[in-house]
Structure formats: structure tokens, C-alpha cells
C-alpha atoms as a PDB file:
ATOM      1  CA  UNK A   1     -55.435  -1.766  24.430  1.00  0.00           C
ATOM      2  CA  UNK A   2     -58.307  -4.032  23.410  1.00  0.00           C
ATOM      3  CA  UNK A   3     -55.998  -7.036  23.551  1.00  0.00           C
ATOM      4  CA  UNK A   4     -54.922  -6.187  27.081  1.00  0.00           C
ATOM      5  CA  UNK A   5     -58.527  -5.600  28.146  1.00  0.00           C
ATOM      6  CA  UNK A   6     -59.553  -9.058  26.956  1.00  0.00           C
ATOM      7  CA  UNK A   7     -56.741 -10.705  28.915  1.00  0.00           C
ATOM      8  CA  UNK A   8     -57.802 -11.752  32.340  1.00  0.00           C
ATOM      9  CA  UNK A   9     -55.758 -11.829  35.475  1.00  0.00           C
ATOM     10  CA  UNK A  10     -53.215 -14.621  35.684  1.00  0.00           C
ATOM     11  CA  UNK A  11     -51.196 -16.166  38.471  1.00  0.00           C
ATOM     12  CA  UNK A  12     -47.455 -16.181  37.767  1.00  0.00           C
ATOM     13  CA  UNK A  13     -45.765 -19.533  38.251  1.00  0.00           C
ATOM     14  CA  UNK A  14     -42.066 -19.874  39.017  1.00  0.00           C
ATOM     15  CA  UNK A  15     -39.789 -21.439  36.391  1.00  0.00           C
ATOM     16  CA  UNK A  16     -38.664 -24.708  37.946  1.00  0.00           C
ATOM     17  CA  UNK A  17     -35.629 -26.772  36.869  1.00  0.00           C
ATOM     18  CA  UNK A  18     -38.023 -29.374  35.414  1.00  0.00           C
ATOM     19  CA  UNK A  19     -39.625 -26.734  33.193  1.00  0.00           C
ATOM     20  CA  UNK A  20     -36.180 -25.570  32.100  1.00  0.00           C
ATOM     21  CA  UNK A  21     -35.228 -29.173  31.202  1.00  0.00           C
ATOM     22  CA  UNK A  22     -38.428 -29.687  29.205  1.00  0.00           C
ATOM     23  CA  UNK A  23     -37.881 -26.423  27.370  1.00  0.00           C
ATOM     24  CA  UNK A  24     -34.307 -27.349  26.419  1.00  0.00           C
ATOM     25  CA  UNK A  25     -35.390 -30.840  25.280  1.00  0.00           C
ATOM     26  CA  UNK A  26     -38.117 -29.305  23.148  1.00  0.00           C
ATOM     27  CA  UNK A  27     -35.617 -26.974  21.507  1.00  0.00           C
ATOM     28  CA  UNK A  28     -33.227 -29.865  20.795  1.00  0.00           C
ATOM     29  CA  UNK A  29     -36.065 -31.984  19.328  1.00  0.00           C
ATOM     30  CA  UNK A  30     -37.200 -29.088  17.147  1.00  0.00           C
ATOM     31  CA  UNK A  31     -33.658 -28.594  15.880  1.00  0.00           C
ATOM     32  CA  UNK A  32     -33.254 -32.306  15.081  1.00  0.00           C
ATOM     33  CA  UNK A  33     -36.623 -32.462  13.257  1.00  0.00           C
ATOM     34  CA  UNK A  34     -35.737 -29.332  11.276  1.00  0.00           C
ATOM     35  CA  UNK A  35     -32.433 -30.798  10.149  1.00  0.00           C
ATOM     36  CA  UNK A  36     -34.092 -34.113   9.198  1.00  0.00           C
ATOM     37  CA  UNK A  37     -36.653 -32.317   7.036  1.00  0.00           C
ATOM     38  CA  UNK A  38     -33.956 -30.405   5.188  1.00  0.00           C
ATOM     39  CA  UNK A  39     -33.172 -32.212   1.964  1.00  0.00           C
ATOM     40  CA  UNK A  40     -29.926 -32.387   0.103  1.00  0.00           C
ATOM     41  CA  UNK A  41     -29.005 -29.318  -1.920  1.00  0.00           C
ATOM     42  CA  UNK A  42     -26.534 -28.689  -4.708  1.00  0.00           C
ATOM     43  CA  UNK A  43     -24.179 -25.788  -4.015  1.00  0.00           C
ATOM     44  CA  UNK A  44     -23.924 -23.277  -6.840  1.00  0.00           C
ATOM     45  CA  UNK A  45     -20.920 -20.979  -7.292  1.00  0.00           C
ATOM     46  CA  UNK A  46     -21.395 -17.238  -6.837  1.00  0.00           C
ATOM     47  CA  UNK A  47     -20.890 -15.750 -10.302  1.00  0.00           C
ATOM     48  CA  UNK A  48     -20.098 -12.077 -11.052  1.00  0.00           C
ATOM     49  CA  UNK A  49     -23.639 -11.707 -12.358  1.00  0.00           C
ATOM     50  CA  UNK A  50     -25.055 -12.884  -9.023  1.00  0.00           C
ATOM     51  CA  UNK A  51     -22.772 -10.443  -7.192  1.00  0.00           C
ATOM     52  CA  UNK A  52     -24.013  -7.597  -9.421  1.00  0.00           C
ATOM     53  CA  UNK A  53     -27.677  -8.521  -8.852  1.00  0.00           C
ATOM     54  CA  UNK A  54     -27.062  -8.739  -5.091  1.00  0.00           C
ATOM     55  CA  UNK A  55     -25.464  -5.279  -4.982  1.00  0.00           C
ATOM     56  CA  UNK A  56     -28.270  -3.800  -7.084  1.00  0.00           C
ATOM     57  CA  UNK A  57     -30.841  -5.372  -4.768  1.00  0.00           C
ATOM     58  CA  UNK A  58     -29.116  -3.893  -1.716  1.00  0.00           C
ATOM     59  CA  UNK A  59     -29.059  -0.459  -3.341  1.00  0.00           C
ATOM     60  CA  UNK A  60     -32.740  -0.718  -4.300  1.00  0.00           C
ATOM     61  CA  UNK A  61     -33.655  -1.845  -0.771  1.00  0.00           C
ATOM     62  CA  UNK A  62     -31.741   1.100   0.699  1.00  0.00           C
ATOM     63  CA  UNK A  63     -33.504   3.553  -1.648  1.00  0.00           C
ATOM     64  CA  UNK A  64     -36.973   2.105  -0.924  1.00  0.00           C
ATOM     65  CA  UNK A  65     -36.271   2.148   2.806  1.00  0.00           C
ATOM     66  CA  UNK A  66     -35.351   5.825   2.669  1.00  0.00           C
ATOM     67  CA  UNK A  67     -38.405   6.631   0.485  1.00  0.00           C
ATOM     68  CA  UNK A  68     -40.789   4.965   2.955  1.00  0.00           C
ATOM     69  CA  UNK A  69     -39.234   6.890   5.813  1.00  0.00           C
ATOM     70  CA  UNK A  70     -41.611   9.597   7.001  1.00  0.00           C
ATOM     71  CA  UNK A  71     -40.727  12.903   8.524  1.00  0.00           C
ATOM     72  CA  UNK A  72     -39.974  12.884  12.223  1.00  0.00           C
ATOM     73  CA  UNK A  73     -39.980  15.597  14.833  1.00  0.00           C
ATOM     74  CA  UNK A  74     -36.728  15.642  16.831  1.00  0.00           C
ATOM     75  CA  UNK A  75     -37.178  15.798  20.568  1.00  0.00           C
ATOM     76  CA  UNK A  76     -34.482  17.193  22.862  1.00  0.00           C
ATOM     77  CA  UNK A  77     -32.841  14.880  25.354  1.00  0.00           C
ATOM     78  CA  UNK A  78     -33.849  16.230  28.731  1.00  0.00           C
ATOM     79  CA  UNK A  79     -32.029  15.556  32.018  1.00  0.00           C
ATOM     80  CA  UNK A  80     -34.948  13.331  33.048  1.00  0.00           C
ATOM     81  CA  UNK A  81     -34.468  11.178  29.941  1.00  0.00           C
ATOM     82  CA  UNK A  82     -30.741  10.948  30.660  1.00  0.00           C
ATOM     83  CA  UNK A  83     -31.470   9.861  34.238  1.00  0.00           C
ATOM     84  CA  UNK A  84     -33.972   7.194  33.105  1.00  0.00           C
ATOM     85  CA  UNK A  85     -31.494   5.925  30.520  1.00  0.00           C
ATOM     86  CA  UNK A  86     -28.696   5.586  33.084  1.00  0.00           C
ATOM     87  CA  UNK A  87     -31.036   3.844  35.535  1.00  0.00           C
ATOM     88  CA  UNK A  88     -32.120   1.419  32.828  1.00  0.00           C
ATOM     89  CA  UNK A  89     -28.496   0.607  32.023  1.00  0.00           C
ATOM     90  CA  UNK A  90     -27.774  -0.030  35.700  1.00  0.00           C
ATOM     91  CA  UNK A  91     -30.849  -2.255  36.030  1.00  0.00           C
ATOM     92  CA  UNK A  92     -29.902  -4.221  32.903  1.00  0.00           C
ATOM     93  CA  UNK A  93     -26.369  -4.686  34.208  1.00  0.00           C
ATOM     94  CA  UNK A  94     -27.612  -5.879  37.602  1.00  0.00           C
ATOM     95  CA  UNK A  95     -30.149  -8.293  36.070  1.00  0.00           C
ATOM     96  CA  UNK A  96     -27.520  -9.654  33.677  1.00  0.00           C
ATOM     97  CA  UNK A  97     -25.073 -10.282  36.512  1.00  0.00           C
ATOM     98  CA  UNK A  98     -27.786 -11.963  38.617  1.00  0.00           C
ATOM     99  CA  UNK A  99     -28.595 -14.309  35.737  1.00  0.00           C
ATOM    100  CA  UNK A 100     -24.989 -15.396  35.405  1.00  0.00           C
ATOM    101  CA  UNK A 101     -24.199 -18.622  37.179  1.00  0.00           C
ATOM    102  CA  UNK A 102     -21.022 -19.503  38.992  1.00  0.00           C
ATOM    103  CA  UNK A 103     -18.222 -20.881  36.832  1.00  0.00           C
ATOM    104  CA  UNK A 104     -15.283 -23.075  37.746  1.00  0.00           C
ATOM    105  CA  UNK A 105     -12.003 -21.893  36.222  1.00  0.00           C
ATOM    106  CA  UNK A 106      -9.929 -24.640  34.627  1.00  0.00           C
ATOM    107  CA  UNK A 107      -6.158 -24.404  34.381  1.00  0.00           C
ATOM    108  CA  UNK A 108      -4.456 -24.559  30.976  1.00  0.00           C
ATOM    109  CA  UNK A 109      -2.627 -27.889  31.078  1.00  0.00           C
ATOM    110  CA  UNK A 110       0.337 -28.869  28.847  1.00  0.00           C
ATOM    111  CA  UNK A 111      -1.982 -31.269  27.022  1.00  0.00           C
ATOM    112  CA  UNK A 112      -4.342 -28.416  26.136  1.00  0.00           C
ATOM    113  CA  UNK A 113      -1.398 -26.334  24.942  1.00  0.00           C
ATOM    114  CA  UNK A 114      -0.216 -29.226  22.747  1.00  0.00           C
ATOM    115  CA  UNK A 115      -3.675 -29.730  21.233  1.00  0.00           C
ATOM    116  CA  UNK A 116      -3.928 -25.998  20.539  1.00  0.00           C
ATOM    117  CA  UNK A 117      -0.552 -25.913  18.767  1.00  0.00           C
ATOM    118  CA  UNK A 118      -1.430 -29.014  16.735  1.00  0.00           C
ATOM    119  CA  UNK A 119      -4.699 -27.423  15.683  1.00  0.00           C
ATOM    120  CA  UNK A 120      -2.849 -24.308  14.545  1.00  0.00           C
ATOM    121  CA  UNK A 121      -0.400 -26.443  12.533  1.00  0.00           C
ATOM    122  CA  UNK A 122      -3.244 -28.405  10.942  1.00  0.00           C
ATOM    123  CA  UNK A 123      -5.050 -25.197  10.008  1.00  0.00           C
ATOM    124  CA  UNK A 124      -1.855 -23.764   8.510  1.00  0.00           C
ATOM    125  CA  UNK A 125      -1.225 -26.938   6.476  1.00  0.00           C
ATOM    126  CA  UNK A 126      -4.810 -27.033   5.167  1.00  0.00           C
ATOM    127  CA  UNK A 127      -4.618 -23.339   4.262  1.00  0.00           C
ATOM    128  CA  UNK A 128      -1.399 -23.870   2.289  1.00  0.00           C
ATOM    129  CA  UNK A 129      -2.830 -26.932   0.530  1.00  0.00           C
ATOM    130  CA  UNK A 130      -5.765 -24.888  -0.756  1.00  0.00           C
ATOM    131  CA  UNK A 131      -3.489 -22.197  -2.118  1.00  0.00           C
ATOM    132  CA  UNK A 132      -3.043 -22.364  -5.861  1.00  0.00           C
ATOM    133  CA  UNK A 133       0.341 -22.197  -7.549  1.00  0.00           C
ATOM    134  CA  UNK A 134       1.374 -18.773  -8.833  1.00  0.00           C
ATOM    135  CA  UNK A 135       3.264 -17.940 -11.998  1.00  0.00           C
ATOM    136  CA  UNK A 136       6.249 -15.639 -11.351  1.00  0.00           C
ATOM    137  CA  UNK A 137       6.582 -12.747 -13.783  1.00  0.00           C
ATOM    138  CA  UNK A 138       9.985 -11.251 -14.671  1.00  0.00           C
ATOM    139  CA  UNK A 139      10.748  -7.640 -13.746  1.00  0.00           C
ATOM    140  CA  UNK A 140      11.047  -5.913 -17.134  1.00  0.00           C
ATOM    141  CA  UNK A 141      12.753  -2.523 -17.707  1.00  0.00           C
ATOM    142  CA  UNK A 142       9.318  -1.015 -18.344  1.00  0.00           C
ATOM    143  CA  UNK A 143       8.093  -2.178 -14.937  1.00  0.00           C
ATOM    144  CA  UNK A 144      11.246  -0.801 -13.304  1.00  0.00           C
ATOM    145  CA  UNK A 145      10.687   2.570 -15.008  1.00  0.00           C
ATOM    146  CA  UNK A 146       7.031   2.680 -13.950  1.00  0.00           C
ATOM    147  CA  UNK A 147       8.061   1.808 -10.379  1.00  0.00           C
ATOM    148  CA  UNK A 148      10.662   4.610 -10.266  1.00  0.00           C
ATOM    149  CA  UNK A 149       8.192   7.103 -11.733  1.00  0.00           C
ATOM    150  CA  UNK A 150       5.633   6.143  -9.127  1.00  0.00           C
ATOM    151  CA  UNK A 151       8.195   6.636  -6.358  1.00  0.00           C
ATOM    152  CA  UNK A 152       9.131  10.046  -7.763  1.00  0.00           C
ATOM    153  CA  UNK A 153       5.473  11.092  -7.972  1.00  0.00           C
ATOM    154  CA  UNK A 154       4.895   9.943  -4.398  1.00  0.00           C
ATOM    155  CA  UNK A 155       7.967  11.880  -3.241  1.00  0.00           C
ATOM    156  CA  UNK A 156       6.819  15.050  -5.025  1.00  0.00           C
ATOM    157  CA  UNK A 157       3.305  14.808  -3.571  1.00  0.00           C
ATOM    158  CA  UNK A 158       4.737  14.174  -0.103  1.00  0.00           C
ATOM    159  CA  UNK A 159       7.076  17.176  -0.397  1.00  0.00           C
ATOM    160  CA  UNK A 160       4.222  19.432  -1.550  1.00  0.00           C
ATOM    161  CA  UNK A 161       2.035  18.259   1.314  1.00  0.00           C
ATOM    162  CA  UNK A 162       4.919  18.785   3.762  1.00  0.00           C
ATOM    163  CA  UNK A 163       5.561  22.322   2.537  1.00  0.00           C
ATOM    164  CA  UNK A 164       1.884  23.235   2.733  1.00  0.00           C
ATOM    165  CA  UNK A 165       1.145  21.698   6.125  1.00  0.00           C
ATOM    166  CA  UNK A 166       4.357  21.548   8.172  1.00  0.00           C
ATOM    167  CA  UNK A 167       7.133  23.702   6.758  1.00  0.00           C
ATOM    168  CA  UNK A 168       7.393  27.121   8.351  1.00  0.00           C
ATOM    169  CA  UNK A 169       5.028  26.249  11.210  1.00  0.00           C
ATOM    170  CA  UNK A 170       6.294  25.944  14.740  1.00  0.00           C
ATOM    171  CA  UNK A 171       5.251  23.090  16.994  1.00  0.00           C
ATOM    172  CA  UNK A 172       3.793  24.456  20.208  1.00  0.00           C
ATOM    173  CA  UNK A 173       4.690  22.527  23.343  1.00  0.00           C
ATOM    174  CA  UNK A 174       3.159  23.259  26.726  1.00  0.00           C
ATOM    175  CA  UNK A 175       5.661  24.432  29.327  1.00  0.00           C
ATOM    176  CA  UNK A 176       4.593  22.109  32.116  1.00  0.00           C
ATOM    177  CA  UNK A 177       6.257  21.906  35.551  1.00  0.00           C
ATOM    178  CA  UNK A 178       7.670  18.506  34.585  1.00  0.00           C
ATOM    179  CA  UNK A 179       9.333  19.968  31.491  1.00  0.00           C
ATOM    180  CA  UNK A 180      10.740  22.861  33.519  1.00  0.00           C
ATOM    181  CA  UNK A 181      12.154  20.404  36.036  1.00  0.00           C
ATOM    182  CA  UNK A 182      13.773  18.345  33.275  1.00  0.00           C
ATOM    183  CA  UNK A 183      15.215  21.499  31.689  1.00  0.00           C
ATOM    184  CA  UNK A 184      16.734  22.657  35.001  1.00  0.00           C
ATOM    185  CA  UNK A 185      18.164  19.182  35.631  1.00  0.00           C
ATOM    186  CA  UNK A 186      19.680  19.188  32.141  1.00  0.00           C
ATOM    187  CA  UNK A 187      21.298  22.560  32.808  1.00  0.00           C
ATOM    188  CA  UNK A 188      22.813  21.293  36.060  1.00  0.00           C
ATOM    189  CA  UNK A 189      24.122  18.169  34.322  1.00  0.00           C
ATOM    190  CA  UNK A 190      25.656  20.313  31.541  1.00  0.00           C
ATOM    191  CA  UNK A 191      27.309  22.614  34.116  1.00  0.00           C
ATOM    192  CA  UNK A 192      28.735  19.684  36.072  1.00  0.00           C
ATOM    193  CA  UNK A 193      30.048  18.123  32.853  1.00  0.00           C
ATOM    194  CA  UNK A 194      31.632  21.406  31.761  1.00  0.00           C
ATOM    195  CA  UNK A 195      33.403  21.901  35.111  1.00  0.00           C
ATOM    196  CA  UNK A 196      34.543  18.298  35.045  1.00  0.00           C
ATOM    197  CA  UNK A 197      36.092  18.736  31.605  1.00  0.00           C
ATOM    198  CA  UNK A 198      37.626  22.050  32.646  1.00  0.00           C
ATOM    199  CA  UNK A 199      39.260  20.571  35.750  1.00  0.00           C
ATOM    200  CA  UNK A 200      40.507  17.662  33.718  1.00  0.00           C
ATOM    201  CA  UNK A 201      42.152  19.878  31.066  1.00  0.00           C
ATOM    202  CA  UNK A 202      43.351  22.585  33.460  1.00  0.00           C
ATOM    203  CA  UNK A 203      47.148  23.039  33.480  1.00  0.00           C
ATOM    204  CA  UNK A 204      47.672  21.301  30.187  1.00  0.00           C
ATOM    205  CA  UNK A 205      48.689  23.024  26.968  1.00  0.00           C
ATOM    206  CA  UNK A 206      48.922  22.157  23.329  1.00  0.00           C
ATOM    207  CA  UNK A 207      52.478  22.397  21.935  1.00  0.00           C
ATOM    208  CA  UNK A 208      52.810  24.302  18.665  1.00  0.00           C
ATOM    209  CA  UNK A 209      55.710  23.864  16.267  1.00  0.00           C
ATOM    210  CA  UNK A 210      57.641  27.125  15.738  1.00  0.00           C
ATOM    211  CA  UNK A 211      58.603  27.453  12.085  1.00  0.00           C
ATOM    212  CA  UNK A 212      60.255  30.411  10.306  1.00  0.00           C
ATOM    213  CA  UNK A 213      56.952  31.730   9.020  1.00  0.00           C
ATOM    214  CA  UNK A 214      55.455  31.776  12.530  1.00  0.00           C
ATOM    215  CA  UNK A 215      58.547  33.549  13.842  1.00  0.00           C
ATOM    216  CA  UNK A 216      58.316  36.184  11.097  1.00  0.00           C
ATOM    217  CA  UNK A 217      54.636  36.821  11.744  1.00  0.00           C
ATOM    218  CA  UNK A 218      55.288  37.051  15.472  1.00  0.00           C
ATOM    219  CA  UNK A 219      58.143  39.582  14.932  1.00  0.00           C
ATOM    220  CA  UNK A 220      55.998  41.693  12.590  1.00  0.00           C
ATOM    221  CA  UNK A 221      53.178  41.776  15.131  1.00  0.00           C
ATOM    222  CA  UNK A 222      55.618  42.842  17.833  1.00  0.00           C
ATOM    223  CA  UNK A 223      56.954  45.642  15.595  1.00  0.00           C
ATOM    224  CA  UNK A 224      53.460  46.866  14.850  1.00  0.00           C
ATOM    225  CA  UNK A 225      52.645  46.864  18.562  1.00  0.00           C
ATOM    226  CA  UNK A 226      55.823  48.854  19.365  1.00  0.00           C
ATOM    227  CA  UNK A 227      55.183  51.387  16.610  1.00  0.00           C
ATOM    228  CA  UNK A 228      51.590  51.865  17.715  1.00  0.00           C
ATOM    229  CA  UNK A 229      52.592  52.217  21.362  1.00  0.00           C
ATOM    230  CA  UNK A 230      55.385  54.700  20.581  1.00  0.00           C
ATOM    231  CA  UNK A 231      53.095  56.820  18.422  1.00  0.00           C
ATOM    232  CA  UNK A 232      50.573  57.104  21.209  1.00  0.00           C
ATOM    233  CA  UNK A 233      53.312  57.849  23.723  1.00  0.00           C
ATOM    234  CA  UNK A 234      54.723  60.614  21.487  1.00  0.00           C
ATOM    235  CA  UNK A 235      51.306  62.181  21.202  1.00  0.00           C
ATOM    236  CA  UNK A 236      50.863  62.060  24.978  1.00  0.00           C
ATOM    237  CA  UNK A 237      54.236  63.787  25.464  1.00  0.00           C
ATOM    238  CA  UNK A 238      53.348  66.532  22.973  1.00  0.00           C
ATOM    239  CA  UNK A 239      49.950  67.120  24.616  1.00  0.00           C
ATOM    240  CA  UNK A 240      51.623  67.305  28.043  1.00  0.00           C
ATOM    241  CA  UNK A 241      54.170  69.864  26.713  1.00  0.00           C
ATOM    242  CA  UNK A 242      51.386  72.004  25.205  1.00  0.00           C
ATOM    243  CA  UNK A 243      49.488  71.930  28.476  1.00  0.00           C
ATOM    244  CA  UNK A 244      52.552  73.070  30.418  1.00  0.00           C
ATOM    245  CA  UNK A 245      53.151  75.884  27.911  1.00  0.00           C
ATOM    246  CA  UNK A 246      49.515  77.038  28.231  1.00  0.00           C
ATOM    247  CA  UNK A 247      49.816  77.059  32.026  1.00  0.00           C
ATOM    248  CA  UNK A 248      52.972  79.175  31.797  1.00  0.00           C
ATOM    249  CA  UNK A 249      51.323  81.655  29.461  1.00  0.00           C
ATOM    250  CA  UNK A 250      48.355  81.982  31.776  1.00  0.00           C
ATOM    251  CA  UNK A 251      50.636  82.621  34.758  1.00  0.00           C
ATOM    252  CA  UNK A 252      52.779  85.197  32.954  1.00  0.00           C
ATOM    253  CA  UNK A 253      49.824  86.810  31.193  1.00  0.00           C
END
């Protein structure tokens, strides 16, 4: 507040292209002077001890940061705050788009494609040159056994997880209008296919070879049918005779 009170009123001046050019030149000069003042250094390899110290330092910094953190009072996000936030995002987006200049799109020429492919080949070659040579190790019976055991353990754990999470549980699927339409269409297709097969096979028969055993079975079945039919017929005749006798007794009695 005191700082703002001591500041007098100023007249804003527009940023002209000349001022922009001077500002960019000043930045370039500062960068060049900075690089000239940097001396030559000797790179040192990152040892495991340095990695350990770095991790410890990060952990200590995290702990100290959390210790210095005071207690805060949470404030609810009101609709007014949400509105201001959205307005600020819109304003930032508009200002960003206004600051963007017009760009001229350039087509990707065959020469640019060739240079790009060459660069990829060069990068691949340099990467392979920096790779060290590896020493192949033979696959011993012990390694094979350990590999099979690991596969068996993974299979057992997967089966246990499957039984606990999936087995015995039904998968619920929403019965949407689209699914109902597909189901009805599938039924119609199945019906048409069935009728088509039926019409195609209608009137045809499968010839069966008649051997003595088939003839004997057929004759036995016919005999059983005749015996059963005759037994029922005999019973019907007896019941009819008894009924006639009862009617005669009732008339004479």
C-alpha cells in the first residue's frame, strides 16, 4: 500500500515496433554476454553416491516444506467464484488469440520429407553406435525350471483372481432399443434360413439298408403292437357284453 501511494500518476505509452526491436536486441546481447562470461567446465559423471545424496535432499526438502506449511481454513467455492473463474478463462483465451499473429502455412515438399527420413536414419545409426555389445547367456535347465514355475504361479494367481472376481457373476447388459432391434432381426434371419433349408430338403429321404437284424426288430415291434391292440380290443368287447347284460337285467327286473 505504501509503495503504491508513493507512485505518482504515469502516462502509458504504446509499445512501438522500434521498442520491440530494441528489447529483442537487448535480450540477444545479454544472452551473448552471458555465454561469453561462462568459462569452460569439466563434466563429472553422476555416481551412485551423488544419486543417493540427491534423493535424500529431495526428501528433506519435501519434509521441511510440509513442516513450514501452516494451517489453512478451507473456503467453499461459491457460484460467484465459479462465474469469475470462467470469465477469467474466457478473457485469457481471447487475449491469447488476439496476441497471436497471422501465420503462412507451408506445404510439406518431397525435399522436406527426404531430409526428415535422412535425419531419422542418422539418429538411428548414432543410437546403435552408442549401444554396447551384450554377452549372450545360455538357457540352463535351472533357468527353464524357474521360468516354468513362474508361469505356473502366475496361472494359479490368475485362476484364483478369476474365481473370486468373475466366476459365478453374471454380466448385466442394458436392453436398449438397438439391441432389441438386432435381436428381432436375428430371429427373422434365423426363421428365413430355417424355411430355406426346409424347402431345400423337402421331398428327399435318407435310404436305410435293411439287414436281417432290422427286419427282426421290425417284426417284433409289429407283434407287440398287434398283441397290445388285441388285448385292448378284447377288453372293450367284454365291457360291452357286461353293459348289455346289465341293461337286460334292469329291463327284466
